[in-house]
Amino acid sequence: MVAIEWIDKTNRLGRPYADANRWEIAINGTTYTVERSMSAYHIWNNGDWLGMHASKGDVEAAILALAPVEEAVEGESEEASDGDVVAAFEAKADEIAKANGWTISHTETVMLRFLRDTNPAEAATIAAALEKRPDLAA
């Protein structure tokens, strides 16, 4: 499980008791900047805007979905099958849901939103596979 640490980078010059409104989050060698505006949190990576979210939990889910994965172990195939991609997605969703106290469906929805923006083909594959799951409630 990846632990997310919010490092406060708020400029408090002349405002020593100001609420935090700027953080840095580093995961797998990538540093994301999160800025809070009046009603949302904005995620940035090296000047590239990655999205706007309503809560810190949504920000963490987005960053975990966007974080680069570690390099594949030597000997593994370069291309993963659709089943492998869906299994990895479900495992990550389960991990994030447990860490944040969310339902699996909320976590999968949040992850698919961000995956849709970063990798539409993979998001479509996962969404189609998730719709076909036999364990869906009636």
Foldseek 3Di string as FASTA:
>chain_A
DDDWDWAFPDDCVVNVPDDGAWTWTDDPRFIWIWGDDPAWIWIDGPNRTQDIHRDPLLVVLLCVLVPDDDDDDPPDDPDDDLVVLLVVLQVVLVVSCVVVVHDSVVSSVSSLVSCCVVPVVNSVSNVVVVVPDPPDDD
